[in-house]
Amino acid sequence: MSKIREPIFLAWSGGKDSVMSLFSLKDSRDYEVVGLISCITEDDARTRLRGVGRDLLEAQASSLGLPLVFASVTKTCCFREHTDLLAKQVSHLGHGSVRKIAFGDLYLDDVRDAREERLEAMGLEALFPLWHRDTAELAQLFLERKFKAMVTCVDQDTLDQEFVGRMFDRDFLYDLPIAVDPCGENGEFNTFVFAGPLFRKAIDFKVGTKFTNDRFHYCDLSAKGKNAPRKVRRASTR
């Protein structure tokens, strides 16, 4: 008799670390991802510090065949508030059967500690499927598995504007300054994944203008009209 896998939600940013977390969890015999949950800003419906719009997140969820739910945040929201909002949504949607939220964090101990503390206060647990994975190896694995991603945001304190809007590929990794983490674990850059083995079809999107806001350079992306996602169903825990 096959083991019943525990249902969990995955915190979803649309970037490569979220995708690699999902990839890892799908290979797990212990867990089943029953839904994705994203935080988007109240004023422009985009992921904070990443700039990816709701339309693209919904297109990803549709292609992945997974339910997606949203929590609204302010642009000044810290990761502790971010975690609280995710936990409240999961507590509401899970009806007691979902006890864990998975995150794509890799190395930041203060972030992990805060997530675990916040979730424990609400009777939930945090799961980190990529924790302490070598970031250079993880970046190469992402490419070896034929995932495709575009760099949507870079921190201008660490990278020039020319890095935003590029494909996340071997050339990009080769051009990174030696001090920049290959997975952008310190917030140096963020990505949007649009194709790969988990997706039923590639996300069709258009590239808009580049712009700078506060300390970040962004590249505007949006789902193309006829390929814009259909309404995503609410998450179910079966």
Foldseek 3Di string as FASTA:
>chain_A
DQDDAAEAEEADQQFDLSVVLQVLQVPDSHYDHQAYEYEAEPPQQHHALQQHHPQLVQLQCVQLVHFYDYFYDHNPDDLLVVLLRVLVVCCVQVVPRYAEYEYSAEEDPVSQVSNQVNSVVVRHGYHHSRYPPQQVVSLVVCVVQPWKKAWFKFFQVQDPLVRHRHILDPVSLVPHDPVAGSQNNVSGTTIHIFDGDSGNDGFAKDWDDWDDDDRMIGIHIHGDDVSGHDDGDHGHPD
